[in-house]
């Protein structure tokens, strides 16, 4: 049961992390926050370069990890954009749709087979999403209310870009069998490098970034510590578990806990409906990942 303890601890860390992120994003800009988050992760992981197994990290692999860092950097920014401009209890179930996109991408681009149980899982996830927004379709509220078009675009783009990022993860970690810690270190360094290059090309944003770093570096570093901790525990759980699907299924419980956090810390409404929708989506996710 070591994998279960590692995964549940990772869930605990990611829920705390997301609550802090949501509170910080109230005052911060999503782009500057994403950049600071990337810098914090790279700094927090740098000491592990001295203990990680780097024997598999060739020039080819570094190039592949750099390519993987591009959609990963974009996905992190879009996730923060979604969290900032939507209720946490509503955005969490929507972000939990990512395994659906990953399954469809793996079927289309990696040639992985789709079982009958996975098809049932897809219908459950879609049904859960419809139930989540059913009231909104009637009343014009929530993420589909008038004037929210660009935020729906951010969510859809996150799911697509996140799906591409997950394809890189799957190829690098499972086809090339790269050590998870080594991969995590280098992809976070490259993500930070991507943001540095972007901000150097947009010098007008550098002053704002400096101000944000000065004001928020302590809380960002705390978030980075939580992020590194939950990602390392998640990767460690995958290494020791007999089934990766079980790890992913337990890990995705975080979306349900986020719904409770939305009620507790942000006084969000419609929690009963969102809990039911989250459970339906989680059930579909379990069918997708448990083979």
Foldseek 3Di string as FASTA:
>chain_A
DLLLVLLVVLLVLVLVLLLLLQVVLLPDDLLLLLLLLLVLLLVVLVVCVVVDDCVLPDPVNLVLLLVLLVLVSLLSSLLSVLSNPFQLLLSLLLLLCLLVLLLVCCVVPVVDDADPLLVVLNVLSVVLNCLSCVVCVVVLDGCRHPPNVVNVVSSVSSSNSVSVSVVSVCCVCPVVVDQQSVSSNSSSVSSSVVSVVVCVVVVVCVVVSVVCCVVCVVSSNVSSVSVVSSSVSLSVSCVPDPFNLVSVLSNSCSSLVSLVVSCVPVVDDPSVSSNVSSVSNSSSSSSNRGD
